[in-house]
PDB file of N, CA and C in Angstrom:
ATOM      1  N   MET A   1     -22.913  10.188  18.108  1.00  0.00           N
ATOM      2  CA  MET A   1     -24.527  10.159  17.855  1.00  0.00           C
ATOM      3  C   MET A   1     -25.157   9.182  18.972  1.00  0.00           C
ATOM      4  N   GLY A   2     -25.018   7.660  18.908  1.00  0.00           N
ATOM      5  CA  GLY A   2     -25.240   6.844  19.640  1.00  0.00           C
ATOM      6  C   GLY A   2     -26.887   6.516  19.227  1.00  0.00           C
ATOM      7  N   ASP A   3     -27.506   5.981  20.588  1.00  0.00           N
ATOM      8  CA  ASP A   3     -28.818   5.421  20.109  1.00  0.00           C
ATOM      9  C   ASP A   3     -30.093   6.261  19.985  1.00  0.00           C
ATOM     10  N   THR A   4     -29.688   7.695  20.089  1.00  0.00           N
ATOM     11  CA  THR A   4     -30.963   8.553  19.830  1.00  0.00           C
ATOM     12  C   THR A   4     -31.527   8.644  18.451  1.00  0.00           C
ATOM     13  N   LYS A   5     -32.492   8.750  18.585  1.00  0.00           N
ATOM     14  CA  LYS A   5     -33.200   8.859  17.298  1.00  0.00           C
ATOM     15  C   LYS A   5     -34.221  10.252  17.298  1.00  0.00           C
ATOM     16  N   THR A   6     -34.320  10.771  16.224  1.00  0.00           N
ATOM     17  CA  THR A   6     -34.966  12.062  16.083  1.00  0.00           C
ATOM     18  C   THR A   6     -36.560  11.486  16.064  1.00  0.00           C
ATOM     19  N   SER A   7     -37.432  12.778  15.972  1.00  0.00           N
ATOM     20  CA  SER A   7     -38.833  12.528  15.858  1.00  0.00           C
ATOM     21  C   SER A   7     -39.209  11.767  14.681  1.00  0.00           C
ATOM     22  N   THR A   8     -38.299  11.776  13.499  1.00  0.00           N
ATOM     23  CA  THR A   8     -38.302  11.025  12.298  1.00  0.00           C
ATOM     24  C   THR A   8     -38.170   9.488  12.390  1.00  0.00           C
ATOM     25  N   GLY A   9     -37.450   9.245  13.519  1.00  0.00           N
ATOM     26  CA  GLY A   9     -37.190   7.706  13.490  1.00  0.00           C
ATOM     27  C   GLY A   9     -35.640   7.596  13.054  1.00  0.00           C
ATOM     28  N   LEU A  10     -35.363   8.517  12.511  1.00  0.00           N
ATOM     29  CA  LEU A  10     -33.865   8.820  11.753  1.00  0.00           C
ATOM     30  C   LEU A  10     -32.650   8.818  12.986  1.00  0.00           C
ATOM     31  N   GLU A  11     -31.609   8.303  12.794  1.00  0.00           N
ATOM     32  CA  GLU A  11     -30.411   8.727  13.556  1.00  0.00           C
ATOM     33  C   GLU A  11     -30.201  10.379  13.303  1.00  0.00           C
ATOM     34  N   PRO A  12     -29.725  10.962  14.252  1.00  0.00           N
ATOM     35  CA  PRO A  12     -29.515  12.765  13.796  1.00  0.00           C
ATOM     36  C   PRO A  12     -28.566  12.975  12.612  1.00  0.00           C
ATOM     37  N   ASN A  13     -27.571  12.028  12.620  1.00  0.00           N
ATOM     38  CA  ASN A  13     -26.679  12.459  11.439  1.00  0.00           C
ATOM     39  C   ASN A  13     -27.244  12.270  10.291  1.00  0.00           C
ATOM     40  N   ILE A  14     -28.006  10.978  10.002  1.00  0.00           N
ATOM     41  CA  ILE A  14     -28.631  10.552   8.720  1.00  0.00           C
ATOM     42  C   ILE A  14     -29.482  11.571   8.466  1.00  0.00           C
ATOM     43  N   ALA A  15     -30.764  11.818   9.186  1.00  0.00           N
ATOM     44  CA  ALA A  15     -31.555  13.094   9.237  1.00  0.00           C
ATOM     45  C   ALA A  15     -31.013  14.304   8.698  1.00  0.00           C
ATOM     46  N   GLY A  16     -29.621  14.877   9.283  1.00  0.00           N
ATOM     47  CA  GLY A  16     -28.877  15.896   9.148  1.00  0.00           C
ATOM     48  C   GLY A  16     -28.364  15.889   7.407  1.00  0.00           C
ATOM     49  N   LEU A  17     -27.859  14.912   7.303  1.00  0.00           N
ATOM     50  CA  LEU A  17     -27.458  14.446   6.079  1.00  0.00           C
ATOM     51  C   LEU A  17     -28.523  14.572   4.883  1.00  0.00           C
ATOM     52  N   LEU A  18     -29.450  14.199   5.395  1.00  0.00           N
ATOM     53  CA  LEU A  18     -30.860  14.122   4.317  1.00  0.00           C
ATOM     54  C   LEU A  18     -31.656  15.655   4.275  1.00  0.00           C
ATOM     55  N   CYS A  19     -31.200  16.445   5.272  1.00  0.00           N
ATOM     56  CA  CYS A  19     -31.847  17.757   5.118  1.00  0.00           C
ATOM     57  C   CYS A  19     -31.295  18.413   3.904  1.00  0.00           C
ATOM     58  N   TYR A  20     -30.036  18.024   3.373  1.00  0.00           N
ATOM     59  CA  TYR A  20     -29.094  18.756   2.373  1.00  0.00           C
ATOM     60  C   TYR A  20     -29.526  17.900   0.813  1.00  0.00           C
ATOM     61  N   ALA A  21     -30.082  16.742   1.072  1.00  0.00           N
ATOM     62  CA  ALA A  21     -30.151  15.854  -0.172  1.00  0.00           C
ATOM     63  C   ALA A  21     -30.643  16.501  -1.234  1.00  0.00           C
ATOM     64  N   ALA A  22     -31.652  17.219  -1.254  1.00  0.00           N
ATOM     65  CA  ALA A  22     -32.193  17.947  -2.376  1.00  0.00           C
ATOM     66  C   ALA A  22     -32.330  19.250  -2.127  1.00  0.00           C
ATOM     67  N   GLY A  23     -31.351  19.897  -1.524  1.00  0.00           N
ATOM     68  CA  GLY A  23     -31.414  21.376  -1.505  1.00  0.00           C
ATOM     69  C   GLY A  23     -32.266  21.768  -0.571  1.00  0.00           C
ATOM     70  N   TRP A  24     -32.876  22.850  -0.550  1.00  0.00           N
ATOM     71  CA  TRP A  24     -33.849  23.596   0.175  1.00  0.00           C
ATOM     72  C   TRP A  24     -35.017  22.955   0.136  1.00  0.00           C
ATOM     73  N   ILE A  25     -35.369  22.127  -0.656  1.00  0.00           N
ATOM     74  CA  ILE A  25     -36.755  21.252  -0.616  1.00  0.00           C
ATOM     75  C   ILE A  25     -36.577  20.298   0.283  1.00  0.00           C
ATOM     76  N   THR A  26     -35.609  19.463   0.570  1.00  0.00           N
ATOM     77  CA  THR A  26     -35.481  18.318   1.668  1.00  0.00           C
ATOM     78  C   THR A  26     -35.251  19.163   3.066  1.00  0.00           C
ATOM     79  N   GLY A  27     -34.545  20.489   3.038  1.00  0.00           N
ATOM     80  CA  GLY A  27     -34.435  21.309   4.131  1.00  0.00           C
ATOM     81  C   GLY A  27     -35.682  21.837   4.531  1.00  0.00           C
ATOM     82  N   LEU A  28     -36.662  22.219   3.794  1.00  0.00           N
ATOM     83  CA  LEU A  28     -37.940  22.829   4.285  1.00  0.00           C
ATOM     84  C   LEU A  28     -38.661  21.552   4.747  1.00  0.00           C
ATOM     85  N   VAL A  29     -38.769  20.198   4.096  1.00  0.00           N
ATOM     86  CA  VAL A  29     -39.289  19.149   4.709  1.00  0.00           C
ATOM     87  C   VAL A  29     -39.033  18.586   6.089  1.00  0.00           C
ATOM     88  N   PHE A  30     -37.545  18.538   6.196  1.00  0.00           N
ATOM     89  CA  PHE A  30     -37.071  18.330   7.527  1.00  0.00           C
ATOM     90  C   PHE A  30     -37.347  19.527   8.695  1.00  0.00           C
ATOM     91  N   TYR A  31     -37.508  20.748   8.348  1.00  0.00           N
ATOM     92  CA  TYR A  31     -37.535  21.706   9.248  1.00  0.00           C
ATOM     93  C   TYR A  31     -39.288  21.913   9.798  1.00  0.00           C
ATOM     94  N   PHE A  32     -40.138  21.188   8.663  1.00  0.00           N
ATOM     95  CA  PHE A  32     -41.381  21.151   9.290  1.00  0.00           C
ATOM     96  C   PHE A  32     -41.699  19.787   9.684  1.00  0.00           C
ATOM     97  N   VAL A  33     -41.076  18.700   9.628  1.00  0.00           N
ATOM     98  CA  VAL A  33     -41.369  17.484  10.173  1.00  0.00           C
ATOM     99  C   VAL A  33     -40.594  17.221  11.449  1.00  0.00           C
ATOM    100  N   GLU A  34     -39.283  17.692  11.642  1.00  0.00           N
ATOM    101  CA  GLU A  34     -38.428  17.369  12.823  1.00  0.00           C
ATOM    102  C   GLU A  34     -39.115  18.648  13.726  1.00  0.00           C
ATOM    103  N   LYS A  35     -39.619  18.173  15.003  1.00  0.00           N
ATOM    104  CA  LYS A  35     -39.747  19.281  16.055  1.00  0.00           C
ATOM    105  C   LYS A  35     -39.244  19.368  17.011  1.00  0.00           C
ATOM    106  N   GLU A  36     -38.292  18.291  17.426  1.00  0.00           N
ATOM    107  CA  GLU A  36     -37.483  18.148  18.656  1.00  0.00           C
ATOM    108  C   GLU A  36     -35.949  18.412  18.486  1.00  0.00           C
ATOM    109  N   ASP A  37     -35.389  17.603  17.321  1.00  0.00           N
ATOM    110  CA  ASP A  37     -34.054  17.544  17.488  1.00  0.00           C
ATOM    111  C   ASP A  37     -33.225  18.848  16.795  1.00  0.00           C
ATOM    112  N   ARG A  38     -32.593  19.699  17.716  1.00  0.00           N
ATOM    113  CA  ARG A  38     -32.091  21.016  17.324  1.00  0.00           C
ATOM    114  C   ARG A  38     -30.894  20.670  16.401  1.00  0.00           C
ATOM    115  N   PHE A  39     -30.086  19.889  16.566  1.00  0.00           N
ATOM    116  CA  PHE A  39     -29.354  19.270  15.288  1.00  0.00           C
ATOM    117  C   PHE A  39     -29.851  19.284  13.917  1.00  0.00           C
ATOM    118  N   VAL A  40     -30.919  18.411  13.854  1.00  0.00           N
ATOM    119  CA  VAL A  40     -31.430  18.397  12.647  1.00  0.00           C
ATOM    120  C   VAL A  40     -32.225  19.503  12.241  1.00  0.00           C
ATOM    121  N   ARG A  41     -32.975  20.320  13.058  1.00  0.00           N
ATOM    122  CA  ARG A  41     -33.700  21.545  12.486  1.00  0.00           C
ATOM    123  C   ARG A  41     -32.514  22.481  12.358  1.00  0.00           C
ATOM    124  N   PHE A  42     -31.195  22.740  12.647  1.00  0.00           N
ATOM    125  CA  PHE A  42     -30.052  23.562  12.055  1.00  0.00           C
ATOM    126  C   PHE A  42     -29.716  23.323  10.715  1.00  0.00           C
ATOM    127  N   HIS A  43     -29.488  21.998  10.558  1.00  0.00           N
ATOM    128  CA  HIS A  43     -29.010  21.504   9.200  1.00  0.00           C
ATOM    129  C   HIS A  43     -30.151  21.890   8.400  1.00  0.00           C
ATOM    130  N   ALA A  44     -31.420  21.761   8.765  1.00  0.00           N
ATOM    131  CA  ALA A  44     -32.800  21.797   7.946  1.00  0.00           C
ATOM    132  C   ALA A  44     -32.885  23.197   7.411  1.00  0.00           C
ATOM    133  N   MET A  45     -32.626  24.034   8.389  1.00  0.00           N
ATOM    134  CA  MET A  45     -32.765  25.405   8.167  1.00  0.00           C
ATOM    135  C   MET A  45     -31.365  26.360   7.249  1.00  0.00           C
ATOM    136  N   GLN A  46     -30.209  25.627   7.653  1.00  0.00           N
ATOM    137  CA  GLN A  46     -29.122  26.143   6.943  1.00  0.00           C
ATOM    138  C   GLN A  46     -29.439  25.575   5.503  1.00  0.00           C
ATOM    139  N   SER A  47     -29.911  24.506   5.315  1.00  0.00           N
ATOM    140  CA  SER A  47     -30.196  24.160   3.939  1.00  0.00           C
ATOM    141  C   SER A  47     -31.097  24.900   3.112  1.00  0.00           C
ATOM    142  N   ILE A  48     -32.267  25.336   3.950  1.00  0.00           N
ATOM    143  CA  ILE A  48     -33.042  26.384   3.207  1.00  0.00           C
ATOM    144  C   ILE A  48     -32.375  27.495   2.820  1.00  0.00           C
ATOM    145  N   VAL A  49     -31.720  28.044   3.695  1.00  0.00           N
ATOM    146  CA  VAL A  49     -31.215  29.383   3.601  1.00  0.00           C
ATOM    147  C   VAL A  49     -29.828  29.266   2.350  1.00  0.00           C
ATOM    148  N   VAL A  50     -29.080  28.295   2.577  1.00  0.00           N
ATOM    149  CA  VAL A  50     -27.876  28.468   1.453  1.00  0.00           C
ATOM    150  C   VAL A  50     -28.519  28.009   0.058  1.00  0.00           C
ATOM    151  N   PHE A  51     -29.166  26.820   0.212  1.00  0.00           N
ATOM    152  CA  PHE A  51     -29.604  26.648  -1.264  1.00  0.00           C
ATOM    153  C   PHE A  51     -30.593  27.421  -1.743  1.00  0.00           C
ATOM    154  N   GLY A  52     -31.519  27.811  -1.085  1.00  0.00           N
ATOM    155  CA  GLY A  52     -32.684  28.927  -1.387  1.00  0.00           C
ATOM    156  C   GLY A  52     -31.795  30.104  -2.119  1.00  0.00           C
ATOM    157  N   ALA A  53     -31.039  30.584  -1.487  1.00  0.00           N
ATOM    158  CA  ALA A  53     -30.114  31.589  -1.802  1.00  0.00           C
ATOM    159  C   ALA A  53     -29.541  31.350  -3.127  1.00  0.00           C
ATOM    160  N   LEU A  54     -28.882  30.171  -3.269  1.00  0.00           N
ATOM    161  CA  LEU A  54     -28.274  29.811  -4.389  1.00  0.00           C
ATOM    162  C   LEU A  54     -29.170  29.662  -5.582  1.00  0.00           C
ATOM    163  N   THR A  55     -30.507  29.120  -5.320  1.00  0.00           N
ATOM    164  CA  THR A  55     -31.390  28.797  -6.281  1.00  0.00           C
ATOM    165  C   THR A  55     -31.857  30.294  -6.905  1.00  0.00           C
ATOM    166  N   VAL A  56     -32.110  31.331  -6.110  1.00  0.00           N
ATOM    167  CA  VAL A  56     -32.560  32.855  -6.532  1.00  0.00           C
ATOM    168  C   VAL A  56     -31.629  33.321  -7.094  1.00  0.00           C
ATOM    169  N   ALA A  57     -30.188  33.480  -6.522  1.00  0.00           N
ATOM    170  CA  ALA A  57     -28.849  33.776  -7.482  1.00  0.00           C
ATOM    171  C   ALA A  57     -28.874  33.207  -8.840  1.00  0.00           C
ATOM    172  N   ALA A  58     -28.993  32.026  -8.915  1.00  0.00           N
ATOM    173  CA  ALA A  58     -28.896  31.347 -10.145  1.00  0.00           C
ATOM    174  C   ALA A  58     -29.888  31.626 -11.080  1.00  0.00           C
ATOM    175  N   MET A  59     -31.221  32.074 -10.682  1.00  0.00           N
ATOM    176  CA  MET A  59     -32.374  32.380 -11.711  1.00  0.00           C
ATOM    177  C   MET A  59     -32.026  33.735 -12.064  1.00  0.00           C
ATOM    178  N   VAL A  60     -31.481  34.684 -11.174  1.00  0.00           N
ATOM    179  CA  VAL A  60     -31.298  35.941 -11.738  1.00  0.00           C
ATOM    180  C   VAL A  60     -30.443  36.085 -12.649  1.00  0.00           C
ATOM    181  N   LEU A  61     -28.942  35.358 -12.208  1.00  0.00           N
ATOM    182  CA  LEU A  61     -27.912  35.448 -13.308  1.00  0.00           C
ATOM    183  C   LEU A  61     -28.333  34.677 -14.553  1.00  0.00           C
ATOM    184  N   SER A  62     -29.252  33.853 -14.682  1.00  0.00           N
ATOM    185  CA  SER A  62     -29.694  33.013 -15.675  1.00  0.00           C
ATOM    186  C   SER A  62     -30.117  33.982 -16.996  1.00  0.00           C
ATOM    187  N   VAL A  63     -30.940  35.083 -16.628  1.00  0.00           N
ATOM    188  CA  VAL A  63     -31.195  36.095 -17.590  1.00  0.00           C
ATOM    189  C   VAL A  63     -30.311  37.117 -17.985  1.00  0.00           C
ATOM    190  N   ILE A  64     -29.051  36.988 -17.535  1.00  0.00           N
ATOM    191  CA  ILE A  64     -28.003  38.059 -17.987  1.00  0.00           C
ATOM    192  C   ILE A  64     -27.063  37.112 -18.994  1.00  0.00           C
ATOM    193  N   PRO A  65     -27.219  37.582 -20.430  1.00  0.00           N
ATOM    194  CA  PRO A  65     -26.356  37.207 -21.380  1.00  0.00           C
ATOM    195  C   PRO A  65     -24.951  37.309 -21.043  1.00  0.00           C
ATOM    196  N   LEU A  66     -24.304  35.885 -21.435  1.00  0.00           N
ATOM    197  CA  LEU A  66     -22.858  35.679 -21.212  1.00  0.00           C
ATOM    198  C   LEU A  66     -22.306  35.873 -19.829  1.00  0.00           C
ATOM    199  N   LEU A  67     -22.338  36.985 -19.203  1.00  0.00           N
ATOM    200  CA  LEU A  67     -21.438  37.205 -18.122  1.00  0.00           C
ATOM    201  C   LEU A  67     -22.418  36.247 -16.957  1.00  0.00           C
ATOM    202  N   GLY A  68     -23.481  36.560 -17.155  1.00  0.00           N
ATOM    203  CA  GLY A  68     -24.495  36.131 -15.985  1.00  0.00           C
ATOM    204  C   GLY A  68     -24.541  34.330 -16.061  1.00  0.00           C
ATOM    205  N   TRP A  69     -24.122  33.906 -17.485  1.00  0.00           N
ATOM    206  CA  TRP A  69     -24.275  32.501 -17.703  1.00  0.00           C
ATOM    207  C   TRP A  69     -22.835  32.092 -17.220  1.00  0.00           C
ATOM    208  N   ILE A  70     -21.729  32.819 -17.151  1.00  0.00           N
ATOM    209  CA  ILE A  70     -20.515  32.295 -16.664  1.00  0.00           C
ATOM    210  C   ILE A  70     -20.535  32.411 -15.221  1.00  0.00           C
ATOM    211  N   LEU A  71     -21.057  33.431 -14.731  1.00  0.00           N
ATOM    212  CA  LEU A  71     -21.171  33.584 -13.112  1.00  0.00           C
ATOM    213  C   LEU A  71     -22.136  32.482 -12.296  1.00  0.00           C
ATOM    214  N   GLY A  72     -23.342  32.025 -13.341  1.00  0.00           N
ATOM    215  CA  GLY A  72     -23.936  30.894 -12.738  1.00  0.00           C
ATOM    216  C   GLY A  72     -23.606  29.729 -12.802  1.00  0.00           C
ATOM    217  N   TRP A  73     -22.590  29.441 -13.767  1.00  0.00           N
ATOM    218  CA  TRP A  73     -21.899  28.315 -13.941  1.00  0.00           C
ATOM    219  C   TRP A  73     -21.088  27.966 -12.746  1.00  0.00           C
ATOM    220  N   LEU A  74     -20.056  29.184 -12.273  1.00  0.00           N
ATOM    221  CA  LEU A  74     -19.380  29.401 -11.105  1.00  0.00           C
ATOM    222  C   LEU A  74     -20.397  28.797  -9.837  1.00  0.00           C
ATOM    223  N   LEU A  75     -21.312  29.551  -9.925  1.00  0.00           N
ATOM    224  CA  LEU A  75     -22.157  29.424  -8.746  1.00  0.00           C
ATOM    225  C   LEU A  75     -22.719  28.154  -8.363  1.00  0.00           C
ATOM    226  N   GLY A  76     -22.604  27.217  -9.640  1.00  0.00           N
ATOM    227  CA  GLY A  76     -23.155  26.055  -9.791  1.00  0.00           C
ATOM    228  C   GLY A  76     -22.311  25.067  -8.919  1.00  0.00           C
ATOM    229  N   VAL A  77     -20.751  25.346  -9.524  1.00  0.00           N
ATOM    230  CA  VAL A  77     -19.843  24.599  -8.969  1.00  0.00           C
ATOM    231  C   VAL A  77     -19.650  24.717  -7.362  1.00  0.00           C
ATOM    232  N   LEU A  78     -19.727  26.235  -6.870  1.00  0.00           N
ATOM    233  CA  LEU A  78     -19.854  26.347  -5.540  1.00  0.00           C
ATOM    234  C   LEU A  78     -20.732  25.568  -4.813  1.00  0.00           C
ATOM    235  N   GLY A  79     -22.142  25.598  -5.378  1.00  0.00           N
ATOM    236  CA  GLY A  79     -23.018  25.003  -4.916  1.00  0.00           C
ATOM    237  C   GLY A  79     -22.762  23.405  -4.720  1.00  0.00           C
ATOM    238  N   LEU A  80     -22.308  22.816  -5.615  1.00  0.00           N
ATOM    239  CA  LEU A  80     -21.932  21.320  -5.560  1.00  0.00           C
ATOM    240  C   LEU A  80     -21.131  21.133  -4.619  1.00  0.00           C
ATOM    241  N   VAL A  81     -19.911  21.992  -4.331  1.00  0.00           N
ATOM    242  CA  VAL A  81     -18.677  21.911  -3.433  1.00  0.00           C
ATOM    243  C   VAL A  81     -19.530  22.059  -1.824  1.00  0.00           C
ATOM    244  N   LEU A  82     -20.247  23.344  -1.817  1.00  0.00           N
ATOM    245  CA  LEU A  82     -21.394  23.211  -0.492  1.00  0.00           C
ATOM    246  C   LEU A  82     -21.881  22.038  -0.282  1.00  0.00           C
ATOM    247  N   TRP A  83     -22.687  21.616  -1.223  1.00  0.00           N
ATOM    248  CA  TRP A  83     -23.808  20.421  -0.952  1.00  0.00           C
ATOM    249  C   TRP A  83     -22.847  19.460  -0.386  1.00  0.00           C
ATOM    250  N   ILE A  84     -21.822  18.891  -1.181  1.00  0.00           N
ATOM    251  CA  ILE A  84     -21.023  17.624  -0.625  1.00  0.00           C
ATOM    252  C   ILE A  84     -20.528  17.956   0.839  1.00  0.00           C
ATOM    253  N   LEU A  85     -19.843  18.907   0.930  1.00  0.00           N
ATOM    254  CA  LEU A  85     -19.499  19.464   2.342  1.00  0.00           C
ATOM    255  C   LEU A  85     -20.413  19.510   3.478  1.00  0.00           C
ATOM    256  N   LEU A  86     -21.411  20.135   3.203  1.00  0.00           N
ATOM    257  CA  LEU A  86     -22.373  19.932   4.152  1.00  0.00           C
ATOM    258  C   LEU A  86     -23.095  18.699   4.461  1.00  0.00           C
ATOM    259  N   MET A  87     -23.136  17.955   3.542  1.00  0.00           N
ATOM    260  CA  MET A  87     -23.664  16.353   3.761  1.00  0.00           C
ATOM    261  C   MET A  87     -22.774  15.684   4.569  1.00  0.00           C
ATOM    262  N   VAL A  88     -21.356  15.861   4.488  1.00  0.00           N
ATOM    263  CA  VAL A  88     -20.451  15.147   5.058  1.00  0.00           C
ATOM    264  C   VAL A  88     -20.151  15.625   6.501  1.00  0.00           C
ATOM    265  N   LYS A  89     -20.526  16.946   6.723  1.00  0.00           N
ATOM    266  CA  LYS A  89     -20.101  17.435   7.981  1.00  0.00           C
ATOM    267  C   LYS A  89     -21.448  17.122   8.807  1.00  0.00           C
ATOM    268  N   ALA A  90     -22.638  17.095   8.272  1.00  0.00           N
ATOM    269  CA  ALA A  90     -23.951  16.493   9.050  1.00  0.00           C
ATOM    270  C   ALA A  90     -23.779  15.192   9.293  1.00  0.00           C
ATOM    271  N   TYR A  91     -23.189  14.345   8.472  1.00  0.00           N
ATOM    272  CA  TYR A  91     -23.051  13.018   8.493  1.00  0.00           C
ATOM    273  C   TYR A  91     -22.098  12.631   9.835  1.00  0.00           C
ATOM    274  N   GLN A  92     -21.143  13.758   9.873  1.00  0.00           N
ATOM    275  CA  GLN A  92     -20.036  13.226  10.728  1.00  0.00           C
ATOM    276  C   GLN A  92     -20.501  13.961  12.280  1.00  0.00           C
ATOM    277  N   GLY A  93     -21.833  14.266  12.102  1.00  0.00           N
ATOM    278  CA  GLY A  93     -22.187  15.026  13.340  1.00  0.00           C
ATOM    279  C   GLY A  93     -22.176  16.166  13.727  1.00  0.00           C
ATOM    280  N   GLN A  94     -21.441  16.897  12.951  1.00  0.00           N
ATOM    281  CA  GLN A  94     -20.761  18.417  13.102  1.00  0.00           C
ATOM    282  C   GLN A  94     -22.067  19.417  12.817  1.00  0.00           C
ATOM    283  N   MET A  95     -22.091  20.414  13.604  1.00  0.00           N
ATOM    284  CA  MET A  95     -23.006  21.424  13.421  1.00  0.00           C
ATOM    285  C   MET A  95     -22.181  22.639  12.691  1.00  0.00           C
ATOM    286  N   TYR A  96     -21.580  22.134  11.446  1.00  0.00           N
ATOM    287  CA  TYR A  96     -20.819  23.095  10.551  1.00  0.00           C
ATOM    288  C   TYR A  96     -21.475  24.363  10.361  1.00  0.00           C
ATOM    289  N   LYS A  97     -20.977  25.488  10.478  1.00  0.00           N
ATOM    290  CA  LYS A  97     -21.838  26.806  10.008  1.00  0.00           C
ATOM    291  C   LYS A  97     -21.242  27.550   8.791  1.00  0.00           C
ATOM    292  N   VAL A  98     -21.955  27.688   7.781  1.00  0.00           N
ATOM    293  CA  VAL A  98     -21.831  28.267   6.373  1.00  0.00           C
ATOM    294  C   VAL A  98     -21.896  29.930   7.247  1.00  0.00           C
ATOM    295  N   LYS A  99     -20.968  30.573   6.819  1.00  0.00           N
ATOM    296  CA  LYS A  99     -20.951  31.879   7.535  1.00  0.00           C
ATOM    297  C   LYS A  99     -22.100  32.720   7.892  1.00  0.00           C
ATOM    298  N   TRP A 100     -22.607  33.282   6.855  1.00  0.00           N
ATOM    299  CA  TRP A 100     -23.764  33.737   7.156  1.00  0.00           C
ATOM    300  C   TRP A 100     -25.022  32.959   7.604  1.00  0.00           C
ATOM    301  N   ALA A 101     -25.040  31.895   6.495  1.00  0.00           N
ATOM    302  CA  ALA A 101     -26.282  31.023   6.827  1.00  0.00           C
ATOM    303  C   ALA A 101     -26.543  30.540   8.164  1.00  0.00           C
ATOM    304  N   GLY A 102     -25.483  29.881   8.394  1.00  0.00           N
ATOM    305  CA  GLY A 102     -25.279  29.255   9.940  1.00  0.00           C
ATOM    306  C   GLY A 102     -25.592  29.874  11.079  1.00  0.00           C
ATOM    307  N   ASP A 103     -25.311  31.322  11.212  1.00  0.00           N
ATOM    308  CA  ASP A 103     -25.858  32.353  12.208  1.00  0.00           C
ATOM    309  C   ASP A 103     -27.334  32.402  12.035  1.00  0.00           C
ATOM    310  N   PHE A 104     -27.865  32.578  10.840  1.00  0.00           N
ATOM    311  CA  PHE A 104     -29.430  32.890  10.701  1.00  0.00           C
ATOM    312  C   PHE A 104     -30.080  31.581  11.104  1.00  0.00           C
ATOM    313  N   ALA A 105     -29.586  30.419  10.764  1.00  0.00           N
ATOM    314  CA  ALA A 105     -30.122  29.173  11.043  1.00  0.00           C
ATOM    315  C   ALA A 105     -30.041  28.846  12.621  1.00  0.00           C
ATOM    316  N   GLU A 106     -29.205  29.184  13.251  1.00  0.00           N
ATOM    317  CA  GLU A 106     -28.852  28.979  14.615  1.00  0.00           C
ATOM    318  C   GLU A 106     -29.997  29.761  15.360  1.00  0.00           C
ATOM    319  N   LYS A 107     -30.132  30.997  14.876  1.00  0.00           N
ATOM    320  CA  LYS A 107     -31.202  31.975  15.729  1.00  0.00           C
ATOM    321  C   LYS A 107     -32.916  31.530  15.235  1.00  0.00           C
ATOM    322  N   HIS A 108     -32.809  30.800  14.163  1.00  0.00           N
ATOM    323  CA  HIS A 108     -34.249  30.650  13.794  1.00  0.00           C
ATOM    324  C   HIS A 108     -34.627  29.035  14.029  1.00  0.00           C
ATOM    325  N   ILE A 109     -33.925  28.240  14.925  1.00  0.00           N
ATOM    326  CA  ILE A 109     -34.472  26.964  15.102  1.00  0.00           C
ATOM    327  C   ILE A 109     -35.308  27.000  16.226  1.00  0.00           C
TER     328      ILE A 109
END
């Protein structure tokens, strides 16, 4: 990444990691704050899409007794694994794409 800073004043890999820190919320913040850096905007949009979808799915599953709760728990585990993976990949400076969300993010940055 080198000496380049984003418009936020952060190194791109740090800003990319922070896009995932609080899920879609920090993704939304960085998407609107960062205007220049394509790497950061990609991770911000991917965070919005991935964790926004997981949040909606968890809300839907939470109202379904038993099976929904079990699936919601599994979704939570998946979300935790994705959260760690995406933060690590962003910190390493990689534009790691989650299958469907990464393509969407790339088109909308």
